[in-house]
Every structure is written in C-alpha cells, then in structure tokens.
C-alpha cells in the first residue's frame, strides 16, 4: 500500500469525525441500529423480519445502519409498505444474488456492480419518498471527504430521489480498496466517501446512533465481546438511553453453527462449500447457508423479544420506567 493510502487508512480507522449531518425530526424514544455486516446481511434481514412480525417496528421507531446495516435499515423500513410479494426480488434473494456474483467473479470490485444491480431492481421508484415521510427517521451512515470540509461523519435521513438514496447506500458500503476495486472512495453528493463503519467510534462497531432518548436496540451478527461493542461507554451523562442487543450471543449452536473465524470470512466473501471445500459453493448450498443466517437473525430477535423486548419495548410507560430504574441501579453497582 502506498504512503498516501496508508495515511488515509490511518485517518479513517482513527475515527476522527466530529460533525454529524442529520435532519430536523423530533428525537425518537426508540431506535434500532444495524451494524456493518458485509455478506452476513441475511442475519439483519431475519432480525428485521421478526421485529416487524412481533410489532416492534411502528412508524415512530428510528432506524439506522452502516454498510450492510444501512441496507438492512432501508429494506426493513420499506417492507412495512411493500410486502416482499410486490417486489421483483426479496431482500434475502438480493443477498443471494450478490453472493453469487462475488462467487463467480471474486468479491473485490464485484460488490459495487452487484449491489448497484440489485438496488436498482429492489428499491421502488418512490422509495426515497417513503423513507422521507416516515415519522421515525431512517439514517444511513458514511464518512465523507472534501477539500472544503475535510473528513466528516454523515448520518443522512433525507433523500432527494431514488438515485440519491442508492448513492448514499453505495457510500455506506464502500470498504476502501475492496468494494470498488482499487479505489479508496466513491462519489456521493459532490464529495468522496467511505464505509459507514468509519463514521462512528470503534466502541460502537459501526452502529450509528439513532439519537434515541429511551432505548436503542443494536443488531449485529458478531457477539459483542469479539468486536468490542460497548455503546454504553459512549453515552453522554445527560442521556438516559439504555441499550439492548440482538446478536448470535443469544443463540445456541443449533441455530448458530459458525465459529468466529468462519463468520469473519463469510462477511467478506461467500461461504465455502461444506460438501466440496475445494469447489465453488453451489447455488443450492448458498441459498441453504443464507437461509441459516436469516433464520439465526430471526431466532435471535425472537429470543430477545421473549426475554426482554416485550417488557421494555411495548410495555406501559410506568412499567418501562420501573425497568429503567432497575437497569440504572444495576449499572451503578
């Protein structure tokens, strides 16, 4: 890597971004933040599907995401207005298609072309309007750079048109020197941009804040200890926000049969074949493994809801306040 590239990489991984561009909506009480996930996005899709099924996604809940999490936040919000049967392909089918392209042509550089293809097909023509009018904002994170403004964190929740929405999603997914081939940046809104992972403190592992005042639910396909996911350490003293997590830590081996090295590998390229490791994975086995990821996300969200979500997310205000008091009391010990 050149000295120029090393310099950029150091700046990005240091997360030196201070200003965040957001809209003017009222701060939400509840929010859901989806972490970067790469090709593990089916986990997010499964979790979002379950949260919708159990009634945890009313209009006032804010959504946010970076990289694969941004894709999940947008599709989760849109599926409330567009059932999968009305779309040319479901988000899970889109994930399988991207993985197939990466398998056939190599992930590096192919990710952008495959993502552009599926977003053009998957997103309805008025998708930007649906997101803009939603009471709870849908926030896409990326890090931008320009000569005038330097490096900035961007948390965008208002979109000019479908093409602008796709530009923001592309920016959020731009893993430097990987997503777009040899390029460090992609263009968005007249600036250069890189993956949303680099727009937040490392202790949030790329999970953008939803600016929730009461509770934020973080969805991540990595168990928190492995990625140092500790958003509570960054909570302002004036904030009373509590954090919940939907991760593989909620699952047993039956529902999450992957080791951490396997998960890291699957985040960047399609999974290997279980039957013929030396051969490219077949379409049938790829769909099967992505089905496992989807069901794992669904099951993790279901377990969170049964263990805690139904009490802290949908309970009456008096019950929520008492639970929050007990949580604060536990944290102070």
Protein backbone atom coordinates (compact mmCIF):
# COMPACT_ATOMS: atom_id res chain seq x y z
CA UNK A 1 0.00 0.00 0.00
CA UNK A 2 1.34 3.47 -0.87
CA UNK A 3 2.21 6.07 1.78
CA UNK A 4 -0.79 8.13 0.61
CA UNK A 5 -3.10 5.12 1.08
CA UNK A 6 -1.59 4.38 4.49
CA UNK A 7 -2.22 7.95 5.55
CA UNK A 8 -5.87 7.77 4.54
CA UNK A 9 -6.30 4.39 6.24
CA UNK A 10 -4.83 5.72 9.50
CA UNK A 11 -7.12 8.74 9.44
CA UNK A 12 -10.18 6.59 8.80
CA UNK A 13 -9.51 3.90 11.38
CA UNK A 14 -8.81 6.57 13.99
CA UNK A 15 -12.46 7.62 13.52
CA UNK A 16 -11.67 11.31 13.56
CA UNK A 17 -15.10 12.51 12.62
CA UNK A 18 -16.80 15.13 14.74
CA UNK A 19 -19.73 16.66 12.87
CA UNK A 20 -22.84 14.68 12.02
CA UNK A 21 -25.35 15.90 9.47
CA UNK A 22 -28.88 14.90 10.48
CA UNK A 23 -32.40 16.03 9.70
CA UNK A 24 -34.77 18.06 11.87
CA UNK A 25 -37.18 15.37 13.05
CA UNK A 26 -38.12 15.10 16.71
CA UNK A 27 -35.74 12.86 18.66
CA UNK A 28 -37.17 9.34 18.81
CA UNK A 29 -37.93 7.46 22.01
CA UNK A 30 -36.90 4.12 20.48
CA UNK A 31 -34.38 3.24 17.81
CA UNK A 32 -32.81 0.24 16.08
CA UNK A 33 -29.24 0.37 14.78
CA UNK A 34 -27.91 -2.26 12.38
CA UNK A 35 -24.16 -2.89 12.41
CA UNK A 36 -21.92 -3.35 9.37
CA UNK A 37 -22.32 -6.94 8.21
CA UNK A 38 -20.87 -7.37 4.73
CA UNK A 39 -22.25 -10.56 3.20
CA UNK A 40 -23.78 -11.51 6.57
CA UNK A 41 -26.67 -9.14 5.86
CA UNK A 42 -29.22 -12.04 5.84
CA UNK A 43 -28.82 -12.09 9.65
CA UNK A 44 -30.06 -8.49 9.72
CA UNK A 45 -32.89 -9.25 7.32
CA UNK A 46 -34.06 -12.09 9.54
CA UNK A 47 -33.92 -9.93 12.66
CA UNK A 48 -35.81 -7.10 10.98
CA UNK A 49 -38.46 -9.53 9.73
CA UNK A 50 -39.02 -10.87 13.25
CA UNK A 51 -39.16 -7.40 14.80
CA UNK A 52 -41.81 -6.47 12.28
CA UNK A 53 -43.75 -9.68 12.94
CA UNK A 54 -43.88 -9.06 16.72
CA UNK A 55 -44.89 -5.41 16.35
CA UNK A 56 -41.62 -3.69 17.29
CA UNK A 57 -41.44 -1.53 14.17
CA UNK A 58 -44.12 1.13 14.40
CA UNK A 59 -43.59 4.30 12.35
CA UNK A 60 -42.11 6.25 15.25
CA UNK A 61 -39.15 3.87 15.76
CA UNK A 62 -35.99 5.32 14.21
CA UNK A 63 -33.73 3.06 12.16
CA UNK A 64 -30.03 3.47 11.38
CA UNK A 65 -27.29 1.45 9.79
CA UNK A 66 -23.85 1.44 8.23
CA UNK A 67 -22.62 -0.69 5.34
CA UNK A 68 -24.71 -3.89 5.24
CA UNK A 69 -26.60 -2.45 8.21
CA UNK A 70 -27.66 0.54 6.10
CA UNK A 71 -29.13 -1.84 3.52
CA UNK A 72 -30.98 -3.60 6.33
CA UNK A 73 -32.34 -0.37 7.81
CA UNK A 74 -33.69 0.79 4.45
CA UNK A 75 -35.23 -2.53 3.40
CA UNK A 76 -36.71 -3.09 6.87
CA UNK A 77 -38.44 0.28 6.69
CA UNK A 78 -39.67 -0.23 3.13
CA UNK A 79 -41.04 -3.73 3.73
CA UNK A 80 -43.63 -2.18 6.04
CA UNK A 81 -45.13 -0.53 2.93
CA UNK A 82 -44.11 -3.03 0.28
CA UNK A 83 -44.69 -6.72 1.07
CA UNK A 84 -41.99 -8.97 -0.45
CA UNK A 85 -44.57 -10.42 -2.87
CA UNK A 86 -44.92 -6.99 -4.53
CA UNK A 87 -41.17 -6.59 -5.18
CA UNK A 88 -39.16 -8.06 -8.08
CA UNK A 89 -36.98 -9.84 -5.51
CA UNK A 90 -36.93 -10.10 -1.72
CA UNK A 91 -34.01 -8.69 0.31
CA UNK A 92 -32.89 -12.26 1.03
CA UNK A 93 -32.97 -13.12 -2.67
CA UNK A 94 -30.98 -9.96 -3.35
CA UNK A 95 -28.37 -11.06 -0.81
CA UNK A 96 -28.07 -14.45 -2.52
CA UNK A 97 -27.66 -12.77 -5.91
CA UNK A 98 -24.83 -10.53 -4.65
CA UNK A 99 -23.10 -13.57 -3.14
CA UNK A 100 -23.47 -15.48 -6.41
CA UNK A 101 -21.82 -12.65 -8.31
CA UNK A 102 -18.99 -12.50 -5.79
CA UNK A 103 -18.54 -16.27 -6.05
CA UNK A 104 -18.39 -16.18 -9.85
CA UNK A 105 -16.23 -13.07 -10.34
CA UNK A 106 -14.48 -12.50 -6.99
CA UNK A 107 -15.79 -10.17 -4.29
CA UNK A 108 -13.24 -7.38 -4.70
CA UNK A 109 -14.71 -4.83 -7.06
CA UNK A 110 -17.72 -7.04 -7.87
CA UNK A 111 -19.55 -5.94 -4.73
CA UNK A 112 -20.27 -2.49 -6.16
CA UNK A 113 -21.58 -3.75 -9.51
CA UNK A 114 -23.74 -6.42 -7.87
CA UNK A 115 -25.12 -4.01 -5.28
CA UNK A 116 -25.93 -1.38 -7.90
CA UNK A 117 -27.80 -4.02 -9.88
CA UNK A 118 -29.97 -5.27 -7.02
CA UNK A 119 -30.73 -1.82 -5.60
CA UNK A 120 -31.93 -0.59 -8.98
CA UNK A 121 -34.30 -3.59 -9.14
CA UNK A 122 -35.27 -3.90 -5.48
CA UNK A 123 -35.99 -0.29 -4.49
CA UNK A 124 -39.35 1.08 -5.68
CA UNK A 125 -39.28 4.33 -7.67
CA UNK A 126 -40.76 6.27 -4.71
CA UNK A 127 -38.63 4.58 -2.04
CA UNK A 128 -36.96 7.89 -1.10
CA UNK A 129 -40.37 9.48 -0.53
CA UNK A 130 -41.49 6.62 1.69
CA UNK A 131 -38.37 6.97 3.84
CA UNK A 132 -38.52 10.77 3.99
CA UNK A 133 -42.11 10.88 5.27
CA UNK A 134 -41.60 8.20 7.89
CA UNK A 135 -42.10 9.55 11.42
CA UNK A 136 -39.07 7.67 12.73
CA UNK A 137 -36.10 8.61 10.59
CA UNK A 138 -34.12 6.07 8.54
CA UNK A 139 -30.46 7.03 8.85
CA UNK A 140 -27.62 5.98 6.53
CA UNK A 141 -24.08 6.47 7.87
CA UNK A 142 -20.94 7.07 5.83
CA UNK A 143 -17.76 9.11 6.12
CA UNK A 144 -17.21 11.82 3.53
CA UNK A 145 -14.20 13.84 2.44
CA UNK A 146 -13.79 17.07 0.53
CA UNK A 147 -11.11 19.75 0.33
CA UNK A 148 -13.52 22.28 1.84
CA UNK A 149 -14.82 20.22 4.74
CA UNK A 150 -12.16 17.56 5.34
CA UNK A 151 -13.34 14.25 6.81
CA UNK A 152 -16.85 14.27 8.25
CA UNK A 153 -19.26 11.73 9.65
CA UNK A 154 -22.53 11.78 7.76
CA UNK A 155 -25.84 10.47 9.07
CA UNK A 156 -28.29 11.15 6.26
CA UNK A 157 -32.04 10.72 6.66
CA UNK A 158 -33.47 12.83 3.85
CA UNK A 159 -33.07 11.73 0.25
CA UNK A 160 -33.54 13.76 -2.95
CA UNK A 161 -34.61 10.86 -5.19
CA UNK A 162 -34.08 7.13 -5.68
CA UNK A 163 -30.66 7.71 -7.26
CA UNK A 164 -29.54 9.78 -4.28
CA UNK A 165 -30.71 7.02 -1.92
CA UNK A 166 -28.66 4.48 -3.88
CA UNK A 167 -25.65 6.83 -3.84
CA UNK A 168 -25.85 7.07 -0.04
CA UNK A 169 -26.18 3.30 0.34
CA UNK A 170 -23.24 2.76 -2.00
CA UNK A 171 -21.16 5.20 0.05
CA UNK A 172 -22.10 3.45 3.27
CA UNK A 173 -20.97 0.09 1.84
CA UNK A 174 -17.66 1.31 0.40
CA UNK A 175 -14.98 -0.78 2.13
CA UNK A 176 -11.82 1.01 0.93
CA UNK A 177 -9.89 -0.79 -1.83
CA UNK A 178 -12.37 -3.70 -1.75
CA UNK A 179 -15.93 -2.66 -2.53
CA UNK A 180 -14.95 -0.52 -5.52
CA UNK A 181 -11.86 -2.37 -6.70
CA UNK A 182 -8.67 -0.33 -6.42
CA UNK A 183 -10.49 2.87 -5.44
CA UNK A 184 -10.48 4.34 -1.96
CA UNK A 185 -13.60 6.46 -2.42
CA UNK A 186 -16.97 6.52 -4.16
CA UNK A 187 -18.77 9.76 -5.00
CA UNK A 188 -21.83 10.97 -3.15
CA UNK A 189 -23.42 14.43 -3.10
CA UNK A 190 -20.35 16.10 -4.57
CA UNK A 191 -17.95 14.55 -2.07
CA UNK A 192 -15.88 11.39 -1.75
CA UNK A 193 -16.97 8.77 0.76
CA UNK A 194 -16.03 5.55 2.52
CA UNK A 195 -17.84 2.89 4.53
CA UNK A 196 -20.09 3.95 7.39
CA UNK A 197 -18.05 1.80 9.76
CA UNK A 198 -15.52 4.62 9.87
CA UNK A 199 -18.06 7.28 10.83
CA UNK A 200 -18.52 6.28 14.48
CA UNK A 201 -16.37 5.44 17.49
CA UNK A 202 -14.86 1.96 17.34
CA UNK A 203 -16.70 1.02 20.54
CA UNK A 204 -19.95 1.19 18.55
CA UNK A 205 -18.51 -1.12 15.87
CA UNK A 206 -20.02 0.94 13.08
CA UNK A 207 -23.51 1.07 14.63
CA UNK A 208 -24.77 4.63 14.05
CA UNK A 209 -26.68 6.30 16.84
CA UNK A 210 -30.41 6.61 16.31
CA UNK A 211 -30.39 9.54 18.80
CA UNK A 212 -33.00 7.65 20.83
CA UNK A 213 -33.89 9.16 24.19
CA UNK A 214 -35.06 5.98 25.94
CA UNK A 215 -33.80 2.75 24.36
CA UNK A 216 -31.65 1.69 21.43
CA UNK A 217 -31.63 -1.85 20.08
CA UNK A 218 -28.42 -2.86 18.30
CA UNK A 219 -28.47 -5.70 15.78
CA UNK A 220 -25.09 -7.27 14.99
CA UNK A 221 -24.04 -10.65 13.51
CA UNK A 222 -20.98 -10.65 15.76
CA UNK A 223 -21.11 -11.33 19.51
CA UNK A 224 -20.24 -8.04 21.32
CA UNK A 225 -17.08 -9.27 23.11
CA UNK A 226 -15.46 -10.24 19.80
CA UNK A 227 -15.84 -6.75 18.31
CA UNK A 228 -15.61 -4.62 21.48
CA UNK A 229 -19.21 -3.44 21.06
CA UNK A 230 -19.78 -1.19 24.09
CA UNK A 231 -22.03 1.76 23.17
CA UNK A 232 -22.92 2.34 26.81
CA UNK A 233 -19.38 3.66 27.39
CA UNK A 234 -20.08 6.49 24.94
CA UNK A 235 -23.44 7.52 26.39
CA UNK A 236 -23.49 11.21 27.39
CA UNK A 237 -24.02 11.83 31.10
CA UNK A 238 -27.24 13.67 30.31
CA UNK A 239 -28.66 10.69 28.40
CA UNK A 240 -30.88 8.05 30.00
CA UNK A 241 -30.81 5.79 26.94
CA UNK A 242 -30.49 2.05 27.59
CA UNK A 243 -29.02 -0.45 25.12
CA UNK A 244 -30.21 -3.88 24.07
CA UNK A 245 -28.55 -6.32 21.67
CA UNK A 246 -29.69 -8.85 19.11
CA UNK A 247 -26.58 -10.91 18.34
CA UNK A 248 -25.51 -14.58 18.00
CA UNK A 249 -24.75 -14.48 21.74
CA UNK A 250 -28.48 -15.20 22.21
CA UNK A 251 -28.26 -18.42 20.20
CA UNK A 252 -27.19 -22.00 20.84
CA UNK A 253 -25.02 -23.97 18.44
CA UNK A 254 -28.04 -25.44 16.70
CA UNK A 255 -29.10 -22.01 15.50
CA UNK A 256 -25.58 -20.55 15.13
CA UNK A 257 -23.20 -23.29 13.93
CA UNK A 258 -20.43 -20.88 12.89
CA UNK A 259 -17.13 -20.15 14.61
CA UNK A 260 -15.92 -16.56 14.83
CA UNK A 261 -13.24 -17.10 12.11
CA UNK A 262 -15.95 -18.55 9.84
CA UNK A 263 -18.16 -15.52 10.47
CA UNK A 264 -15.36 -13.10 9.63
CA UNK A 265 -14.62 -14.97 6.42
CA UNK A 266 -18.29 -15.06 5.39
CA UNK A 267 -18.58 -11.32 5.95
CA UNK A 268 -16.14 -10.64 3.11
CA UNK A 269 -16.82 -13.45 0.64
CA UNK A 270 -19.37 -16.19 0.02
CA UNK A 271 -19.21 -19.23 2.32
CA UNK A 272 -17.27 -22.31 1.35
CA UNK A 273 -18.98 -25.50 0.30
CA UNK A 274 -19.46 -27.95 3.15
CA UNK A 275 -19.51 -30.94 0.81
CA UNK A 276 -16.71 -29.94 -1.59
CA UNK A 277 -14.47 -27.32 0.06
CA UNK A 278 -12.15 -27.16 -2.95
CA UNK A 279 -15.06 -26.32 -5.29
CA UNK A 280 -17.18 -23.15 -5.51
CA UNK A 281 -20.31 -23.37 -3.43
CA UNK A 282 -23.40 -24.36 -5.44
CA UNK A 283 -26.46 -22.13 -5.74
CA UNK A 284 -28.48 -24.63 -3.72
CA UNK A 285 -25.99 -24.75 -0.84
CA UNK A 286 -25.53 -20.98 -0.92
CA UNK A 287 -29.27 -20.46 -0.52
CA UNK A 288 -29.26 -23.00 2.29
CA UNK A 289 -26.46 -21.25 4.20
CA UNK A 290 -28.01 -17.84 3.72
CA UNK A 291 -31.25 -19.34 4.95
CA UNK A 292 -29.40 -20.39 8.11
CA UNK A 293 -28.19 -16.79 8.56
CA UNK A 294 -31.71 -15.43 8.01
CA UNK A 295 -33.25 -17.89 10.48
CA UNK A 296 -30.49 -17.14 13.00
CA UNK A 297 -31.29 -13.43 12.87
CA UNK A 298 -34.99 -14.18 13.20
CA UNK A 299 -34.43 -16.52 16.15
CA UNK A 300 -32.09 -14.11 17.95
CA UNK A 301 -34.66 -11.32 17.60
CA UNK A 302 -37.43 -13.65 18.81
CA UNK A 303 -35.43 -14.64 21.87
CA UNK A 304 -34.63 -11.00 22.68
CA UNK A 305 -38.32 -10.16 22.40
CA UNK A 306 -39.46 -13.01 24.62
CA UNK A 307 -36.76 -12.45 27.23
CA UNK A 308 -36.88 -8.67 27.36
CA UNK A 309 -38.31 -6.88 24.35
CA UNK A 310 -41.97 -7.38 25.13
CA UNK A 311 -41.44 -5.73 28.51
CA UNK A 312 -39.11 -2.82 27.64
CA UNK A 313 -40.31 -2.06 24.10
CA UNK A 314 -44.07 -2.31 24.18
CA UNK A 315 -44.95 -2.09 27.88
CA UNK A 316 -46.89 0.74 29.51
CA UNK A 317 -44.83 3.84 30.49
CA UNK A 318 -44.97 3.02 34.21
CA UNK A 319 -43.54 -0.47 33.58
CA UNK A 320 -40.80 0.90 31.32
CA UNK A 321 -39.82 3.50 33.90
CA UNK A 322 -39.51 0.88 36.64
CA UNK A 323 -37.41 -1.36 34.39
CA UNK A 324 -35.17 1.56 33.51
CA UNK A 325 -34.76 2.38 37.22
CA UNK A 326 -33.68 -1.18 37.93
CA UNK A 327 -31.25 -1.17 34.99
CA UNK A 328 -29.69 2.09 36.13
CA UNK A 329 -29.42 0.70 39.64
CA UNK A 330 -27.65 -2.40 38.27
CA UNK A 331 -25.21 -0.31 36.21
CA UNK A 332 -24.26 1.82 39.22
CA UNK A 333 -23.16 -1.21 41.24
